[in-house]
Amino acid sequence: MATKEEILESIAQMSVMEVADLIKMMEEKFGVVAAAAAVAAPGAAAGAAAEVEEQTEFNVSLVSVDAAKKIACIKEVRAVTGLGLKEAKELCEKGGMLKEGVSKEEAAQMKEKLEAAGCVIEVK
């Protein structure tokens, strides 16, 4: 039987994909789930906070339209989405998703333009 050091050396020589496969095989064989253990070390909380990813894709949806500015809203929705007149009008009347997966800057520009036209916009 191999020693712990020999096993460790064998694992060190594997590629990342091979190690991932090994972990899956071990989970299946022993009926366990490999989960990262939280180790409390000084400064670990600060490092973890810095590693939180910032959202890069946003969904822009139309919540409602000011009835007095409905025509301006329809025009701006058409300009932003490229929809036809009928589709833009229906979207303004019912509300819904304007664009999905846009950048933060594009979402901010869309929100600014549409709110200036009288729309209520939600960015998620």
N, C-alpha and C. Protein backbone atom coordinates (compact mmCIF):
# COMPACT_ATOMS: atom_id res chain seq x y z
N MET A 1 0.85 -1.19 0.00
CA MET A 1 0.00 0.00 0.00
C MET A 1 0.89 1.24 0.00
N ALA A 2 0.48 2.24 -0.76
CA ALA A 2 1.25 3.47 -0.87
C ALA A 2 1.09 4.32 0.38
N THR A 3 2.12 5.07 0.70
CA THR A 3 2.06 5.96 1.85
C THR A 3 1.30 7.22 1.47
N LYS A 4 0.94 7.99 2.47
CA LYS A 4 0.23 9.24 2.23
C LYS A 4 1.07 10.18 1.38
N GLU A 5 2.37 10.20 1.62
CA GLU A 5 3.26 11.08 0.85
C GLU A 5 3.29 10.68 -0.62
N GLU A 6 3.31 9.37 -0.89
CA GLU A 6 3.31 8.89 -2.28
C GLU A 6 2.00 9.23 -2.98
N ILE A 7 0.90 9.10 -2.28
CA ILE A 7 -0.40 9.45 -2.84
C ILE A 7 -0.44 10.95 -3.14
N LEU A 8 0.03 11.74 -2.20
CA LEU A 8 0.06 13.19 -2.38
C LEU A 8 0.92 13.57 -3.58
N GLU A 9 2.06 12.93 -3.73
CA GLU A 9 2.95 13.21 -4.87
C GLU A 9 2.28 12.83 -6.18
N SER A 10 1.54 11.73 -6.20
CA SER A 10 0.82 11.31 -7.40
C SER A 10 -0.23 12.34 -7.79
N ILE A 11 -0.94 12.83 -6.80
CA ILE A 11 -1.98 13.84 -7.05
C ILE A 11 -1.35 15.14 -7.54
N ALA A 12 -0.20 15.50 -6.99
CA ALA A 12 0.47 16.74 -7.39
C ALA A 12 0.88 16.71 -8.85
N GLN A 13 1.09 15.54 -9.40
CA GLN A 13 1.51 15.42 -10.79
C GLN A 13 0.33 15.37 -11.76
N MET A 14 -0.90 15.33 -11.25
CA MET A 14 -2.10 15.26 -12.10
C MET A 14 -2.49 16.65 -12.58
N SER A 15 -3.22 16.66 -13.70
CA SER A 15 -3.78 17.92 -14.19
C SER A 15 -5.01 18.26 -13.35
N VAL A 16 -5.49 19.45 -13.49
CA VAL A 16 -6.66 19.90 -12.72
C VAL A 16 -7.87 19.04 -13.06
N MET A 17 -8.03 18.71 -14.34
CA MET A 17 -9.17 17.89 -14.75
C MET A 17 -9.08 16.49 -14.16
N GLU A 18 -7.89 15.93 -14.10
CA GLU A 18 -7.71 14.61 -13.51
C GLU A 18 -8.03 14.63 -12.01
N VAL A 19 -7.64 15.69 -11.33
CA VAL A 19 -7.93 15.82 -9.90
C VAL A 19 -9.44 15.95 -9.70
N ALA A 20 -10.10 16.72 -10.56
CA ALA A 20 -11.56 16.87 -10.45
C ALA A 20 -12.25 15.52 -10.65
N ASP A 21 -11.79 14.74 -11.63
CA ASP A 21 -12.36 13.41 -11.85
C ASP A 21 -12.12 12.51 -10.65
N LEU A 22 -10.92 12.59 -10.07
CA LEU A 22 -10.59 11.79 -8.89
C LEU A 22 -11.52 12.12 -7.73
N ILE A 23 -11.78 13.39 -7.54
CA ILE A 23 -12.68 13.82 -6.46
C ILE A 23 -14.08 13.27 -6.68
N LYS A 24 -14.56 13.34 -7.91
CA LYS A 24 -15.89 12.79 -8.22
C LYS A 24 -15.95 11.30 -7.94
N MET A 25 -14.89 10.59 -8.34
CA MET A 25 -14.84 9.15 -8.10
C MET A 25 -14.85 8.84 -6.61
N MET A 26 -14.12 9.64 -5.83
CA MET A 26 -14.07 9.43 -4.39
C MET A 26 -15.43 9.72 -3.75
N GLU A 27 -16.11 10.75 -4.24
CA GLU A 27 -17.44 11.08 -3.72
C GLU A 27 -18.40 9.93 -3.96
N GLU A 28 -18.35 9.37 -5.18
CA GLU A 28 -19.25 8.27 -5.51
C GLU A 28 -18.92 7.01 -4.71
N LYS A 29 -17.65 6.68 -4.61
CA LYS A 29 -17.22 5.46 -3.91
C LYS A 29 -17.58 5.49 -2.43
N PHE A 30 -17.33 6.63 -1.77
CA PHE A 30 -17.52 6.72 -0.33
C PHE A 30 -18.84 7.37 0.09
N GLY A 31 -19.63 7.85 -0.90
CA GLY A 31 -20.93 8.45 -0.59
C GLY A 31 -20.84 9.73 0.19
N VAL A 32 -19.84 10.55 -0.13
CA VAL A 32 -19.65 11.84 0.56
C VAL A 32 -19.63 12.96 -0.47
N VAL A 33 -19.65 14.17 0.04
CA VAL A 33 -19.54 15.35 -0.82
C VAL A 33 -18.32 16.14 -0.37
N ALA A 34 -17.44 16.43 -1.32
CA ALA A 34 -16.25 17.22 -0.99
C ALA A 34 -16.64 18.69 -1.00
N ALA A 35 -16.54 19.33 0.15
CA ALA A 35 -16.84 20.75 0.27
C ALA A 35 -15.64 21.45 0.87
N ALA A 36 -15.41 22.66 0.41
CA ALA A 36 -14.28 23.42 0.93
C ALA A 36 -14.55 23.78 2.39
N ALA A 37 -13.60 23.52 3.23
CA ALA A 37 -13.73 23.84 4.65
C ALA A 37 -13.34 25.29 4.88
N ALA A 38 -14.12 25.97 5.70
CA ALA A 38 -13.82 27.36 6.00
C ALA A 38 -12.77 27.40 7.10
N VAL A 39 -11.64 28.00 6.81
CA VAL A 39 -10.56 28.11 7.77
C VAL A 39 -10.49 29.55 8.23
N ALA A 40 -10.62 29.77 9.51
CA ALA A 40 -10.58 31.12 10.05
C ALA A 40 -9.12 31.53 10.23
N ALA A 41 -8.66 32.37 9.36
CA ALA A 41 -7.29 32.87 9.46
C ALA A 41 -7.35 34.39 9.52
N PRO A 42 -6.38 35.01 10.18
CA PRO A 42 -6.39 36.47 10.24
C PRO A 42 -6.35 37.07 8.84
N GLY A 43 -7.24 37.99 8.58
CA GLY A 43 -7.28 38.66 7.28
C GLY A 43 -8.03 37.88 6.23
N ALA A 44 -8.52 36.70 6.55
CA ALA A 44 -9.22 35.88 5.56
C ALA A 44 -10.53 36.54 5.15
N ALA A 45 -11.21 37.17 6.08
CA ALA A 45 -12.48 37.81 5.77
C ALA A 45 -12.27 38.97 4.80
N ALA A 46 -11.22 39.71 4.96
CA ALA A 46 -10.93 40.83 4.06
C ALA A 46 -10.60 40.32 2.67
N GLY A 47 -9.88 39.22 2.59
CA GLY A 47 -9.54 38.64 1.29
C GLY A 47 -10.77 38.09 0.59
N ALA A 48 -11.66 37.50 1.34
CA ALA A 48 -12.88 36.95 0.76
C ALA A 48 -13.78 38.06 0.24
N ALA A 49 -13.83 39.16 0.95
CA ALA A 49 -14.66 40.28 0.51
C ALA A 49 -14.12 40.87 -0.79
N ALA A 50 -12.82 40.87 -0.95
CA ALA A 50 -12.24 41.42 -2.17
C ALA A 50 -12.47 40.51 -3.36
N GLU A 51 -12.71 39.22 -3.11
CA GLU A 51 -12.90 38.27 -4.18
C GLU A 51 -14.33 38.22 -4.71
N VAL A 52 -15.27 38.91 -4.08
CA VAL A 52 -16.65 38.91 -4.53
C VAL A 52 -16.71 39.56 -5.91
N GLU A 53 -17.29 38.82 -6.85
CA GLU A 53 -17.35 39.31 -8.22
C GLU A 53 -18.44 40.37 -8.38
N GLU A 54 -18.13 41.38 -9.16
CA GLU A 54 -19.11 42.41 -9.46
C GLU A 54 -19.94 41.93 -10.65
N GLN A 55 -21.24 42.20 -10.60
CA GLN A 55 -22.13 41.79 -11.67
C GLN A 55 -21.75 42.51 -12.96
N THR A 56 -21.66 41.78 -14.07
CA THR A 56 -21.25 42.38 -15.34
C THR A 56 -22.37 42.44 -16.35
N GLU A 57 -23.41 41.63 -16.17
CA GLU A 57 -24.52 41.64 -17.11
C GLU A 57 -25.80 42.00 -16.36
N PHE A 58 -26.59 42.86 -17.00
CA PHE A 58 -27.81 43.36 -16.37
C PHE A 58 -28.99 43.17 -17.30
N ASN A 59 -30.17 43.03 -16.71
CA ASN A 59 -31.41 42.95 -17.46
C ASN A 59 -32.18 44.24 -17.22
N VAL A 60 -32.65 44.85 -18.31
CA VAL A 60 -33.37 46.11 -18.21
C VAL A 60 -34.83 45.84 -18.58
N SER A 61 -35.73 46.18 -17.65
CA SER A 61 -37.15 45.95 -17.93
C SER A 61 -37.95 47.21 -17.69
N LEU A 62 -39.05 47.30 -18.42
CA LEU A 62 -39.96 48.44 -18.35
C LEU A 62 -41.04 48.10 -17.34
N VAL A 63 -41.17 48.91 -16.31
CA VAL A 63 -42.16 48.68 -15.26
C VAL A 63 -43.48 49.36 -15.61
N SER A 64 -43.40 50.65 -15.96
CA SER A 64 -44.62 51.39 -16.31
C SER A 64 -44.25 52.60 -17.15
N VAL A 65 -45.29 53.26 -17.67
CA VAL A 65 -45.12 54.42 -18.53
C VAL A 65 -46.05 55.53 -18.04
N ASP A 66 -45.55 56.75 -18.05
CA ASP A 66 -46.38 57.91 -17.73
C ASP A 66 -47.39 58.09 -18.86
N ALA A 67 -48.68 58.03 -18.54
CA ALA A 67 -49.72 58.09 -19.56
C ALA A 67 -49.66 59.39 -20.37
N ALA A 68 -49.23 60.47 -19.75
CA ALA A 68 -49.15 61.75 -20.46
C ALA A 68 -47.99 61.78 -21.45
N LYS A 69 -47.02 60.90 -21.27
CA LYS A 69 -45.84 60.88 -22.14
C LYS A 69 -45.72 59.56 -22.91
N LYS A 70 -46.85 58.91 -23.18
CA LYS A 70 -46.86 57.59 -23.78
C LYS A 70 -46.19 57.58 -25.15
N ILE A 71 -46.45 58.56 -25.98
CA ILE A 71 -45.87 58.61 -27.33
C ILE A 71 -44.35 58.74 -27.26
N ALA A 72 -43.86 59.61 -26.38
CA ALA A 72 -42.42 59.77 -26.24
C ALA A 72 -41.79 58.47 -25.73
N CYS A 73 -42.48 57.77 -24.84
CA CYS A 73 -41.98 56.50 -24.32
C CYS A 73 -41.90 55.45 -25.42
N ILE A 74 -42.93 55.37 -26.24
CA ILE A 74 -42.94 54.41 -27.34
C ILE A 74 -41.79 54.70 -28.30
N LYS A 75 -41.57 55.96 -28.61
CA LYS A 75 -40.46 56.33 -29.50
C LYS A 75 -39.12 55.92 -28.92
N GLU A 76 -38.94 56.16 -27.64
CA GLU A 76 -37.66 55.83 -27.02
C GLU A 76 -37.47 54.32 -26.89
N VAL A 77 -38.54 53.59 -26.60
CA VAL A 77 -38.46 52.13 -26.53
C VAL A 77 -38.07 51.58 -27.90
N ARG A 78 -38.66 52.13 -28.95
CA ARG A 78 -38.31 51.69 -30.32
C ARG A 78 -36.84 51.97 -30.61
N ALA A 79 -36.35 53.14 -30.20
CA ALA A 79 -34.96 53.51 -30.47
C ALA A 79 -33.99 52.60 -29.71
N VAL A 80 -34.33 52.26 -28.49
CA VAL A 80 -33.44 51.45 -27.66
C VAL A 80 -33.46 49.98 -28.06
N THR A 81 -34.65 49.45 -28.39
CA THR A 81 -34.78 48.02 -28.64
C THR A 81 -34.75 47.64 -30.11
N GLY A 82 -35.12 48.56 -30.99
CA GLY A 82 -35.20 48.23 -32.40
C GLY A 82 -36.52 47.54 -32.76
N LEU A 83 -37.48 47.57 -31.86
CA LEU A 83 -38.78 46.95 -32.11
C LEU A 83 -39.61 47.79 -33.07
N GLY A 84 -40.60 47.17 -33.67
CA GLY A 84 -41.55 47.88 -34.51
C GLY A 84 -42.51 48.68 -33.66
N LEU A 85 -43.31 49.51 -34.31
CA LEU A 85 -44.25 50.38 -33.60
C LEU A 85 -45.24 49.58 -32.76
N LYS A 86 -45.84 48.55 -33.35
CA LYS A 86 -46.85 47.76 -32.65
C LYS A 86 -46.25 47.07 -31.42
N GLU A 87 -45.07 46.46 -31.59
CA GLU A 87 -44.43 45.75 -30.49
C GLU A 87 -44.01 46.70 -29.37
N ALA A 88 -43.48 47.88 -29.75
CA ALA A 88 -43.07 48.87 -28.75
C ALA A 88 -44.28 49.39 -27.98
N LYS A 89 -45.39 49.60 -28.69
CA LYS A 89 -46.62 50.08 -28.04
C LYS A 89 -47.13 49.05 -27.04
N GLU A 90 -47.14 47.76 -27.43
CA GLU A 90 -47.58 46.69 -26.53
C GLU A 90 -46.67 46.59 -25.30
N LEU A 91 -45.39 46.72 -25.54
CA LEU A 91 -44.43 46.65 -24.43
C LEU A 91 -44.66 47.80 -23.46
N CYS A 92 -44.93 48.99 -23.98
CA CYS A 92 -45.19 50.15 -23.12
C CYS A 92 -46.50 49.98 -22.34
N GLU A 93 -47.48 49.35 -22.95
CA GLU A 93 -48.77 49.17 -22.29
C GLU A 93 -48.71 48.08 -21.21
N LYS A 94 -48.00 47.00 -21.49
CA LYS A 94 -47.97 45.86 -20.58
C LYS A 94 -46.73 45.82 -19.69
N GLY A 95 -45.65 46.45 -20.13
CA GLY A 95 -44.38 46.37 -19.41
C GLY A 95 -43.69 45.07 -19.76
N GLY A 96 -42.45 44.94 -19.36
CA GLY A 96 -41.73 43.70 -19.62
C GLY A 96 -40.25 43.95 -19.88
N MET A 97 -39.57 42.90 -20.30
CA MET A 97 -38.13 42.92 -20.53
C MET A 97 -37.79 43.69 -21.80
N LEU A 98 -36.90 44.67 -21.66
CA LEU A 98 -36.43 45.41 -22.83
C LEU A 98 -35.20 44.75 -23.43
N LYS A 99 -34.19 44.52 -22.59
CA LYS A 99 -32.96 43.87 -23.04
C LYS A 99 -32.38 43.06 -21.89
N GLU A 100 -31.74 41.94 -22.27
CA GLU A 100 -31.10 41.07 -21.28
C GLU A 100 -29.61 41.00 -21.55
N GLY A 101 -28.84 40.87 -20.48
CA GLY A 101 -27.40 40.65 -20.61
C GLY A 101 -26.62 41.83 -21.15
N VAL A 102 -27.01 43.06 -20.78
CA VAL A 102 -26.30 44.24 -21.25
C VAL A 102 -25.27 44.68 -20.20
N SER A 103 -24.30 45.45 -20.64
CA SER A 103 -23.26 45.93 -19.72
C SER A 103 -23.84 46.98 -18.77
N LYS A 104 -23.09 47.25 -17.72
CA LYS A 104 -23.53 48.23 -16.72
C LYS A 104 -23.70 49.60 -17.35
N GLU A 105 -22.75 49.99 -18.23
CA GLU A 105 -22.81 51.29 -18.87
C GLU A 105 -24.02 51.40 -19.79
N GLU A 106 -24.25 50.35 -20.59
CA GLU A 106 -25.39 50.36 -21.52
C GLU A 106 -26.71 50.40 -20.75
N ALA A 107 -26.79 49.64 -19.65
CA ALA A 107 -28.00 49.64 -18.83
C ALA A 107 -28.26 51.03 -18.24
N ALA A 108 -27.20 51.70 -17.79
CA ALA A 108 -27.35 53.04 -17.22
C ALA A 108 -27.81 54.03 -18.28
N GLN A 109 -27.25 53.93 -19.48
CA GLN A 109 -27.64 54.83 -20.57
C GLN A 109 -29.11 54.61 -20.95
N MET A 110 -29.50 53.34 -21.07
CA MET A 110 -30.89 53.02 -21.41
C MET A 110 -31.84 53.57 -20.35
N LYS A 111 -31.49 53.35 -19.10
CA LYS A 111 -32.35 53.81 -18.00
C LYS A 111 -32.50 55.32 -18.03
N GLU A 112 -31.39 56.02 -18.25
CA GLU A 112 -31.42 57.48 -18.28
C GLU A 112 -32.32 58.00 -19.42
N LYS A 113 -32.15 57.45 -20.61
CA LYS A 113 -32.94 57.89 -21.77
C LYS A 113 -34.42 57.59 -21.58
N LEU A 114 -34.72 56.38 -21.13
CA LEU A 114 -36.11 55.98 -20.99
C LEU A 114 -36.82 56.71 -19.86
N GLU A 115 -36.11 56.96 -18.76
CA GLU A 115 -36.73 57.71 -17.67
C GLU A 115 -36.97 59.16 -18.06
N ALA A 116 -36.08 59.73 -18.90
CA ALA A 116 -36.28 61.09 -19.39
C ALA A 116 -37.53 61.17 -20.26
N ALA A 117 -37.86 60.05 -20.93
CA ALA A 117 -39.04 60.02 -21.79
C ALA A 117 -40.32 59.76 -20.99
N GLY A 118 -40.20 59.37 -19.72
CA GLY A 118 -41.38 59.15 -18.89
C GLY A 118 -41.62 57.71 -18.51
N CYS A 119 -40.64 56.85 -18.71
CA CYS A 119 -40.77 55.42 -18.36
C CYS A 119 -40.23 55.18 -16.95
N VAL A 120 -40.75 54.15 -16.31
CA VAL A 120 -40.21 53.67 -15.06
C VAL A 120 -39.45 52.39 -15.39
N ILE A 121 -38.14 52.39 -15.13
CA ILE A 121 -37.25 51.30 -15.56
C ILE A 121 -36.69 50.59 -14.33
N GLU A 122 -36.49 49.29 -14.49
CA GLU A 122 -35.88 48.47 -13.44
C GLU A 122 -34.68 47.76 -14.04
N VAL A 123 -33.52 47.89 -13.38
CA VAL A 123 -32.30 47.23 -13.83
C VAL A 123 -31.92 46.18 -12.79
N LYS A 124 -31.77 44.95 -13.24
CA LYS A 124 -31.41 43.85 -12.31
C LYS A 124 -30.13 43.23 -12.78
